[in-house]
Amino acid sequence: MATLFENVANNERLDETITRLSVLWKTAKQDTYNDYTDYAPYIGWYLAIAYLEDYDKDKARDVLKEMEEMYPVDTAMGDKVREILEK
């Protein structure tokens, strides 16, 4: 995951990074606990940023809206997601 996050930060290999992060995002959101559950906020966040860097605002908005439902107001992730959605 560190390599995927680094790819997003450096705006490199976005197509394959988005594909992999999308799979991890779906896995992390499953009802049953799995290896990616604890990393869901990071996976979702970097996936949304990757979509933005790839000029796909609609998909970024979709991920952020899912995150908005997952993370309540007055939490670090919840507040940041809402801030980005407002912009």
PDB file of N, CA and C in Angstrom:
ATOM      1  N   MET A   1       0.813  -1.180   0.000  1.00  0.00           N
ATOM      2  CA  MET A   1       0.000   0.000   0.000  1.00  0.00           C
ATOM      3  C   MET A   1       0.864   1.254   0.000  1.00  0.00           C
ATOM      4  N   ALA A   2       1.994   1.189   0.651  1.00  0.00           N
ATOM      5  CA  ALA A   2       2.872   2.356   0.694  1.00  0.00           C
ATOM      6  C   ALA A   2       3.260   2.788  -0.714  1.00  0.00           C
ATOM      7  N   THR A   3       3.519   1.830  -1.594  1.00  0.00           N
ATOM      8  CA  THR A   3       3.879   2.153  -2.970  1.00  0.00           C
ATOM      9  C   THR A   3       2.706   2.812  -3.690  1.00  0.00           C
ATOM     10  N   LEU A   4       1.504   2.318  -3.455  1.00  0.00           N
ATOM     11  CA  LEU A   4       0.321   2.915  -4.076  1.00  0.00           C
ATOM     12  C   LEU A   4       0.133   4.351  -3.606  1.00  0.00           C
ATOM     13  N   PHE A   5       0.266   4.553  -2.300  1.00  0.00           N
ATOM     14  CA  PHE A   5       0.112   5.903  -1.747  1.00  0.00           C
ATOM     15  C   PHE A   5       1.194   6.831  -2.290  1.00  0.00           C
ATOM     16  N   GLU A   6       2.398   6.307  -2.439  1.00  0.00           N
ATOM     17  CA  GLU A   6       3.501   7.100  -2.986  1.00  0.00           C
ATOM     18  C   GLU A   6       3.233   7.455  -4.449  1.00  0.00           C
ATOM     19  N   ASN A   7       2.676   6.506  -5.206  1.00  0.00           N
ATOM     20  CA  ASN A   7       2.325   6.783  -6.603  1.00  0.00           C
ATOM     21  C   ASN A   7       1.344   7.949  -6.695  1.00  0.00           C
ATOM     22  N   VAL A   8       0.364   7.964  -5.799  1.00  0.00           N
ATOM     23  CA  VAL A   8      -0.613   9.057  -5.803  1.00  0.00           C
ATOM     24  C   VAL A   8       0.080  10.368  -5.442  1.00  0.00           C
ATOM     25  N   ALA A   9       0.889  10.340  -4.402  1.00  0.00           N
ATOM     26  CA  ALA A   9       1.581  11.550  -3.959  1.00  0.00           C
ATOM     27  C   ALA A   9       2.479  12.120  -5.048  1.00  0.00           C
ATOM     28  N   ASN A  10       3.068  11.231  -5.844  1.00  0.00           N
ATOM     29  CA  ASN A  10       3.982  11.665  -6.904  1.00  0.00           C
ATOM     30  C   ASN A  10       3.311  11.768  -8.271  1.00  0.00           C
ATOM     31  N   ASN A  11       1.995  11.505  -8.311  1.00  0.00           N
ATOM     32  CA  ASN A  11       1.240  11.563  -9.558  1.00  0.00           C
ATOM     33  C   ASN A  11       1.851  10.648 -10.620  1.00  0.00           C
ATOM     34  N   GLU A  12       2.158   9.425 -10.219  1.00  0.00           N
ATOM     35  CA  GLU A  12       2.782   8.450 -11.107  1.00  0.00           C
ATOM     36  C   GLU A  12       1.904   7.206 -11.239  1.00  0.00           C
ATOM     37  N   ARG A  13       1.921   6.621 -12.429  1.00  0.00           N
ATOM     38  CA  ARG A  13       1.241   5.348 -12.687  1.00  0.00           C
ATOM     39  C   ARG A  13      -0.197   5.357 -12.153  1.00  0.00           C
ATOM     40  N   LEU A  14      -0.921   6.417 -12.441  1.00  0.00           N
ATOM     41  CA  LEU A  14      -2.250   6.592 -11.863  1.00  0.00           C
ATOM     42  C   LEU A  14      -3.261   5.542 -12.322  1.00  0.00           C
ATOM     43  N   ASP A  15      -3.202   5.136 -13.573  1.00  0.00           N
ATOM     44  CA  ASP A  15      -4.192   4.157 -14.050  1.00  0.00           C
ATOM     45  C   ASP A  15      -4.139   2.857 -13.252  1.00  0.00           C
ATOM     46  N   GLU A  16      -2.964   2.283 -13.153  1.00  0.00           N
ATOM     47  CA  GLU A  16      -2.858   1.015 -12.423  1.00  0.00           C
ATOM     48  C   GLU A  16      -3.029   1.223 -10.917  1.00  0.00           C
ATOM     49  N   THR A  17      -2.625   2.369 -10.413  1.00  0.00           N
ATOM     50  CA  THR A  17      -2.797   2.671  -8.994  1.00  0.00           C
ATOM     51  C   THR A  17      -4.273   2.807  -8.654  1.00  0.00           C
ATOM     52  N   ILE A  18      -5.022   3.494  -9.496  1.00  0.00           N
ATOM     53  CA  ILE A  18      -6.464   3.641  -9.278  1.00  0.00           C
ATOM     54  C   ILE A  18      -7.147   2.280  -9.334  1.00  0.00           C
ATOM     55  N   THR A  19      -6.760   1.457 -10.275  1.00  0.00           N
ATOM     56  CA  THR A  19      -7.355   0.120 -10.381  1.00  0.00           C
ATOM     57  C   THR A  19      -7.125  -0.671  -9.107  1.00  0.00           C
ATOM     58  N   ARG A  20      -5.907  -0.673  -8.617  1.00  0.00           N
ATOM     59  CA  ARG A  20      -5.595  -1.440  -7.405  1.00  0.00           C
ATOM     60  C   ARG A  20      -6.263  -0.842  -6.170  1.00  0.00           C
ATOM     61  N   LEU A  21      -6.223   0.474  -6.031  1.00  0.00           N
ATOM     62  CA  LEU A  21      -6.870   1.119  -4.882  1.00  0.00           C
ATOM     63  C   LEU A  21      -8.376   0.895  -4.899  1.00  0.00           C
ATOM     64  N   SER A  22      -8.982   0.842  -6.067  1.00  0.00           N
ATOM     65  CA  SER A  22     -10.423   0.575  -6.178  1.00  0.00           C
ATOM     66  C   SER A  22     -10.767  -0.799  -5.625  1.00  0.00           C
ATOM     67  N   VAL A  23      -9.946  -1.781  -5.950  1.00  0.00           N
ATOM     68  CA  VAL A  23     -10.156  -3.139  -5.434  1.00  0.00           C
ATOM     69  C   VAL A  23      -9.974  -3.151  -3.917  1.00  0.00           C
ATOM     70  N   LEU A  24      -8.931  -2.509  -3.438  1.00  0.00           N
ATOM     71  CA  LEU A  24      -8.683  -2.462  -1.995  1.00  0.00           C
ATOM     72  C   LEU A  24      -9.791  -1.710  -1.263  1.00  0.00           C
ATOM     73  N   TRP A  25     -10.320  -0.658  -1.883  1.00  0.00           N
ATOM     74  CA  TRP A  25     -11.411   0.126  -1.288  1.00  0.00           C
ATOM     75  C   TRP A  25     -12.653  -0.747  -1.107  1.00  0.00           C
ATOM     76  N   LYS A  26     -12.998  -1.514  -2.141  1.00  0.00           N
ATOM     77  CA  LYS A  26     -14.149  -2.416  -2.036  1.00  0.00           C
ATOM     78  C   LYS A  26     -13.923  -3.459  -0.952  1.00  0.00           C
ATOM     79  N   THR A  27     -12.723  -3.984  -0.887  1.00  0.00           N
ATOM     80  CA  THR A  27     -12.394  -4.989   0.123  1.00  0.00           C
ATOM     81  C   THR A  27     -12.448  -4.388   1.522  1.00  0.00           C
ATOM     82  N   ALA A  28     -11.900  -3.203   1.686  1.00  0.00           N
ATOM     83  CA  ALA A  28     -11.838  -2.558   3.002  1.00  0.00           C
ATOM     84  C   ALA A  28     -13.226  -2.239   3.546  1.00  0.00           C
ATOM     85  N   LYS A  29     -14.203  -2.020   2.664  1.00  0.00           N
ATOM     86  CA  LYS A  29     -15.556  -1.641   3.089  1.00  0.00           C
ATOM     87  C   LYS A  29     -16.464  -2.834   3.363  1.00  0.00           C
ATOM     88  N   GLN A  30     -15.973  -4.046   3.158  1.00  0.00           N
ATOM     89  CA  GLN A  30     -16.814  -5.223   3.376  1.00  0.00           C
ATOM     90  C   GLN A  30     -17.296  -5.285   4.823  1.00  0.00           C
ATOM     91  N   ASP A  31     -18.431  -5.929   5.010  1.00  0.00           N
ATOM     92  CA  ASP A  31     -19.018  -6.047   6.344  1.00  0.00           C
ATOM     93  C   ASP A  31     -18.154  -6.849   7.312  1.00  0.00           C
ATOM     94  N   THR A  32     -17.425  -7.806   6.774  1.00  0.00           N
ATOM     95  CA  THR A  32     -16.575  -8.621   7.642  1.00  0.00           C
ATOM     96  C   THR A  32     -15.186  -8.007   7.736  1.00  0.00           C
ATOM     97  N   TYR A  33     -14.584  -8.132   8.894  1.00  0.00           N
ATOM     98  CA  TYR A  33     -13.240  -7.597   9.121  1.00  0.00           C
ATOM     99  C   TYR A  33     -12.250  -8.330   8.219  1.00  0.00           C
ATOM    100  N   ASN A  34     -11.319  -7.592   7.629  1.00  0.00           N
ATOM    101  CA  ASN A  34     -10.291  -8.201   6.788  1.00  0.00           C
ATOM    102  C   ASN A  34      -8.996  -7.404   6.941  1.00  0.00           C
ATOM    103  N   ASP A  35      -7.977  -7.806   6.232  1.00  0.00           N
ATOM    104  CA  ASP A  35      -6.658  -7.180   6.360  1.00  0.00           C
ATOM    105  C   ASP A  35      -6.653  -5.687   6.019  1.00  0.00           C
ATOM    106  N   TYR A  36      -7.649  -5.226   5.273  1.00  0.00           N
ATOM    107  CA  TYR A  36      -7.656  -3.841   4.822  1.00  0.00           C
ATOM    108  C   TYR A  36      -8.635  -2.955   5.581  1.00  0.00           C
ATOM    109  N   THR A  37      -9.413  -3.522   6.462  1.00  0.00           N
ATOM    110  CA  THR A  37     -10.428  -2.762   7.196  1.00  0.00           C
ATOM    111  C   THR A  37      -9.824  -1.567   7.929  1.00  0.00           C
ATOM    112  N   ASP A  38      -8.730  -1.787   8.628  1.00  0.00           N
ATOM    113  CA  ASP A  38      -8.110  -0.704   9.400  1.00  0.00           C
ATOM    114  C   ASP A  38      -7.524   0.389   8.514  1.00  0.00           C
ATOM    115  N   TYR A  39      -7.257   0.061   7.264  1.00  0.00           N
ATOM    116  CA  TYR A  39      -6.665   1.027   6.339  1.00  0.00           C
ATOM    117  C   TYR A  39      -7.693   1.722   5.458  1.00  0.00           C
ATOM    118  N   ALA A  40      -8.965   1.443   5.672  1.00  0.00           N
ATOM    119  CA  ALA A  40     -10.027   2.002   4.821  1.00  0.00           C
ATOM    120  C   ALA A  40      -9.952   3.521   4.685  1.00  0.00           C
ATOM    121  N   PRO A  41      -9.749   4.279   5.772  1.00  0.00           N
ATOM    122  CA  PRO A  41      -9.695   5.741   5.591  1.00  0.00           C
ATOM    123  C   PRO A  41      -8.574   6.182   4.655  1.00  0.00           C
ATOM    124  N   TYR A  42      -7.432   5.536   4.760  1.00  0.00           N
ATOM    125  CA  TYR A  42      -6.284   5.896   3.916  1.00  0.00           C
ATOM    126  C   TYR A  42      -6.517   5.478   2.470  1.00  0.00           C
ATOM    127  N   ILE A  43      -7.049   4.281   2.286  1.00  0.00           N
ATOM    128  CA  ILE A  43      -7.306   3.788   0.933  1.00  0.00           C
ATOM    129  C   ILE A  43      -8.321   4.690   0.246  1.00  0.00           C
ATOM    130  N   GLY A  44      -9.411   5.000   0.927  1.00  0.00           N
ATOM    131  CA  GLY A  44     -10.428   5.875   0.340  1.00  0.00           C
ATOM    132  C   GLY A  44      -9.884   7.249   0.030  1.00  0.00           C
ATOM    133  N   TRP A  45      -9.121   7.792   0.968  1.00  0.00           N
ATOM    134  CA  TRP A  45      -8.552   9.125   0.797  1.00  0.00           C
ATOM    135  C   TRP A  45      -7.630   9.186  -0.422  1.00  0.00           C
ATOM    136  N   TYR A  46      -6.707   8.243  -0.505  1.00  0.00           N
ATOM    137  CA  TYR A  46      -5.770   8.249  -1.628  1.00  0.00           C
ATOM    138  C   TYR A  46      -6.457   7.926  -2.944  1.00  0.00           C
ATOM    139  N   LEU A  47      -7.487   7.101  -2.905  1.00  0.00           N
ATOM    140  CA  LEU A  47      -8.242   6.820  -4.125  1.00  0.00           C
ATOM    141  C   LEU A  47      -8.931   8.093  -4.617  1.00  0.00           C
ATOM    142  N   ALA A  48      -9.551   8.828  -3.724  1.00  0.00           N
ATOM    143  CA  ALA A  48     -10.205  10.077  -4.114  1.00  0.00           C
ATOM    144  C   ALA A  48      -9.191  11.067  -4.686  1.00  0.00           C
ATOM    145  N   ILE A  49      -8.046  11.185  -4.053  1.00  0.00           N
ATOM    146  CA  ILE A  49      -7.004  12.092  -4.555  1.00  0.00           C
ATOM    147  C   ILE A  49      -6.510  11.633  -5.927  1.00  0.00           C
ATOM    148  N   ALA A  50      -6.333  10.327  -6.087  1.00  0.00           N
ATOM    149  CA  ALA A  50      -5.885   9.801  -7.381  1.00  0.00           C
ATOM    150  C   ALA A  50      -6.894  10.148  -8.474  1.00  0.00           C
ATOM    151  N   TYR A  51      -8.173  10.001  -8.174  1.00  0.00           N
ATOM    152  CA  TYR A  51      -9.193  10.380  -9.157  1.00  0.00           C
ATOM    153  C   TYR A  51      -9.098  11.870  -9.488  1.00  0.00           C
ATOM    154  N   LEU A  52      -8.901  12.694  -8.478  1.00  0.00           N
ATOM    155  CA  LEU A  52      -8.766  14.133  -8.730  1.00  0.00           C
ATOM    156  C   LEU A  52      -7.545  14.434  -9.597  1.00  0.00           C
ATOM    157  N   GLU A  53      -6.435  13.776  -9.313  1.00  0.00           N
ATOM    158  CA  GLU A  53      -5.223  13.985 -10.110  1.00  0.00           C
ATOM    159  C   GLU A  53      -5.403  13.479 -11.537  1.00  0.00           C
ATOM    160  N   ASP A  54      -6.315  12.522 -11.707  1.00  0.00           N
ATOM    161  CA  ASP A  54      -6.605  11.967 -13.029  1.00  0.00           C
ATOM    162  C   ASP A  54      -7.768  12.713 -13.701  1.00  0.00           C
ATOM    163  N   TYR A  55      -8.164  13.845 -13.112  1.00  0.00           N
ATOM    164  CA  TYR A  55      -9.218  14.716 -13.643  1.00  0.00           C
ATOM    165  C   TYR A  55     -10.581  14.026 -13.732  1.00  0.00           C
ATOM    166  N   ASP A  56     -10.875  13.165 -12.761  1.00  0.00           N
ATOM    167  CA  ASP A  56     -12.169  12.486 -12.716  1.00  0.00           C
ATOM    168  C   ASP A  56     -12.891  12.891 -11.432  1.00  0.00           C
ATOM    169  N   LYS A  57     -13.448  14.099 -11.437  1.00  0.00           N
ATOM    170  CA  LYS A  57     -14.085  14.654 -10.241  1.00  0.00           C
ATOM    171  C   LYS A  57     -15.305  13.852  -9.806  1.00  0.00           C
ATOM    172  N   ASP A  58     -16.044  13.301 -10.753  1.00  0.00           N
ATOM    173  CA  ASP A  58     -17.249  12.554 -10.395  1.00  0.00           C
ATOM    174  C   ASP A  58     -16.920  11.317  -9.567  1.00  0.00           C
ATOM    175  N   LYS A  59     -15.914  10.576  -9.979  1.00  0.00           N
ATOM    176  CA  LYS A  59     -15.525   9.381  -9.224  1.00  0.00           C
ATOM    177  C   LYS A  59     -14.926   9.761  -7.872  1.00  0.00           C
ATOM    178  N   ALA A  60     -14.164  10.830  -7.838  1.00  0.00           N
ATOM    179  CA  ALA A  60     -13.614  11.310  -6.563  1.00  0.00           C
ATOM    180  C   ALA A  60     -14.749  11.685  -5.626  1.00  0.00           C
ATOM    181  N   ARG A  61     -15.742  12.372  -6.149  1.00  0.00           N
ATOM    182  CA  ARG A  61     -16.900  12.773  -5.345  1.00  0.00           C
ATOM    183  C   ARG A  61     -17.646  11.551  -4.816  1.00  0.00           C
ATOM    184  N   ASP A  62     -17.775  10.513  -5.650  1.00  0.00           N
ATOM    185  CA  ASP A  62     -18.451   9.283  -5.210  1.00  0.00           C
ATOM    186  C   ASP A  62     -17.739   8.647  -4.015  1.00  0.00           C
ATOM    187  N   VAL A  63     -16.426   8.568  -4.083  1.00  0.00           N
ATOM    188  CA  VAL A  63     -15.644   7.991  -2.984  1.00  0.00           C
ATOM    189  C   VAL A  63     -15.785   8.861  -1.738  1.00  0.00           C
ATOM    190  N   LEU A  64     -15.681  10.162  -1.911  1.00  0.00           N
ATOM    191  CA  LEU A  64     -15.793  11.072  -0.769  1.00  0.00           C
ATOM    192  C   LEU A  64     -17.176  11.026  -0.133  1.00  0.00           C
ATOM    193  N   LYS A  65     -18.209  10.850  -0.937  1.00  0.00           N
ATOM    194  CA  LYS A  65     -19.562  10.738  -0.389  1.00  0.00           C
ATOM    195  C   LYS A  65     -19.718   9.449   0.421  1.00  0.00           C
ATOM    196  N   GLU A  66     -19.116   8.365  -0.049  1.00  0.00           N
ATOM    197  CA  GLU A  66     -19.121   7.134   0.731  1.00  0.00           C
ATOM    198  C   GLU A  66     -18.403   7.348   2.062  1.00  0.00           C
ATOM    199  N   MET A  67     -17.286   8.037   2.000  1.00  0.00           N
ATOM    200  CA  MET A  67     -16.519   8.304   3.209  1.00  0.00           C
ATOM    201  C   MET A  67     -17.285   9.223   4.162  1.00  0.00           C
ATOM    202  N   GLU A  68     -18.050  10.137   3.597  1.00  0.00           N
ATOM    203  CA  GLU A  68     -18.848  11.044   4.408  1.00  0.00           C
ATOM    204  C   GLU A  68     -19.842  10.258   5.269  1.00  0.00           C
ATOM    205  N   GLU A  69     -20.390   9.192   4.696  1.00  0.00           N
ATOM    206  CA  GLU A  69     -21.322   8.345   5.439  1.00  0.00           C
ATOM    207  C   GLU A  69     -20.612   7.492   6.486  1.00  0.00           C
ATOM    208  N   MET A  70     -19.376   7.149   6.222  1.00  0.00           N
ATOM    209  CA  MET A  70     -18.624   6.264   7.119  1.00  0.00           C
ATOM    210  C   MET A  70     -18.032   7.004   8.321  1.00  0.00           C
ATOM    211  N   TYR A  71     -17.646   8.260   8.125  1.00  0.00           N
ATOM    212  CA  TYR A  71     -16.917   8.993   9.161  1.00  0.00           C
ATOM    213  C   TYR A  71     -17.733  10.193   9.614  1.00  0.00           C
ATOM    214  N   PRO A  72     -18.107  10.224  10.880  1.00  0.00           N
ATOM    215  CA  PRO A  72     -19.005  11.266  11.382  1.00  0.00           C
ATOM    216  C   PRO A  72     -18.354  12.647  11.471  1.00  0.00           C
ATOM    217  N   VAL A  73     -19.217  13.632  11.621  1.00  0.00           N
ATOM    218  CA  VAL A  73     -18.778  15.013  11.854  1.00  0.00           C
ATOM    219  C   VAL A  73     -17.984  15.040  13.155  1.00  0.00           C
ATOM    220  N   ASP A  74     -17.066  15.963  13.244  1.00  0.00           N
ATOM    221  CA  ASP A  74     -16.199  16.133  14.414  1.00  0.00           C
ATOM    222  C   ASP A  74     -15.186  15.012  14.590  1.00  0.00           C
ATOM    223  N   THR A  75     -14.882  14.314  13.490  1.00  0.00           N
ATOM    224  CA  THR A  75     -13.725  13.420  13.470  1.00  0.00           C
ATOM    225  C   THR A  75     -12.785  13.989  12.418  1.00  0.00           C
ATOM    226  N   ALA A  76     -11.513  13.718  12.556  1.00  0.00           N
ATOM    227  CA  ALA A  76     -10.531  14.286  11.623  1.00  0.00           C
ATOM    228  C   ALA A  76     -10.869  13.925  10.173  1.00  0.00           C
ATOM    229  N   MET A  77     -11.125  12.647   9.916  1.00  0.00           N
ATOM    230  CA  MET A  77     -11.416  12.218   8.550  1.00  0.00           C
ATOM    231  C   MET A  77     -12.764  12.762   8.091  1.00  0.00           C
ATOM    232  N   GLY A  78     -13.769  12.685   8.940  1.00  0.00           N
ATOM    233  CA  GLY A  78     -15.092  13.170   8.570  1.00  0.00           C
ATOM    234  C   GLY A  78     -15.097  14.648   8.220  1.00  0.00           C
ATOM    235  N   ASP A  79     -14.416  15.437   9.015  1.00  0.00           N
ATOM    236  CA  ASP A  79     -14.368  16.875   8.762  1.00  0.00           C
ATOM    237  C   ASP A  79     -13.600  17.203   7.485  1.00  0.00           C
ATOM    238  N   LYS A  80     -12.490  16.513   7.249  1.00  0.00           N
ATOM    239  CA  LYS A  80     -11.686  16.769   6.050  1.00  0.00           C
ATOM    240  C   LYS A  80     -12.453  16.368   4.789  1.00  0.00           C
ATOM    241  N   VAL A  81     -13.145  15.238   4.845  1.00  0.00           N
ATOM    242  CA  VAL A  81     -13.941  14.787   3.700  1.00  0.00           C
ATOM    243  C   VAL A  81     -15.017  15.815   3.372  1.00  0.00           C
ATOM    244  N   ARG A  82     -15.700  16.297   4.383  1.00  0.00           N
ATOM    245  CA  ARG A  82     -16.747  17.289   4.166  1.00  0.00           C
ATOM    246  C   ARG A  82     -16.178  18.598   3.618  1.00  0.00           C
ATOM    247  N   GLU A  83     -15.007  18.974   4.092  1.00  0.00           N
ATOM    248  CA  GLU A  83     -14.358  20.181   3.600  1.00  0.00           C
ATOM    249  C   GLU A  83     -14.042  20.061   2.107  1.00  0.00           C
ATOM    250  N   ILE A  84     -13.502  18.930   1.705  1.00  0.00           N
ATOM    251  CA  ILE A  84     -13.161  18.709   0.293  1.00  0.00           C
ATOM    252  C   ILE A  84     -14.434  18.669  -0.551  1.00  0.00           C
ATOM    253  N   LEU A  85     -15.481  18.026  -0.063  1.00  0.00           N
ATOM    254  CA  LEU A  85     -16.728  17.953  -0.829  1.00  0.00           C
ATOM    255  C   LEU A  85     -17.338  19.339  -1.035  1.00  0.00           C
ATOM    256  N   GLU A  86     -17.192  20.216  -0.071  1.00  0.00           N
ATOM    257  CA  GLU A  86     -17.728  21.568  -0.218  1.00  0.00           C
ATOM    258  C   GLU A  86     -16.994  22.364  -1.288  1.00  0.00           C
ATOM    259  N   LYS A  87     -15.708  22.075  -1.460  1.00  0.00           N
ATOM    260  CA  LYS A  87     -14.906  22.791  -2.461  1.00  0.00           C
ATOM    261  C   LYS A  87     -15.231  22.271  -3.830  1.00  0.00           C
TER     262      LYS A  87
END
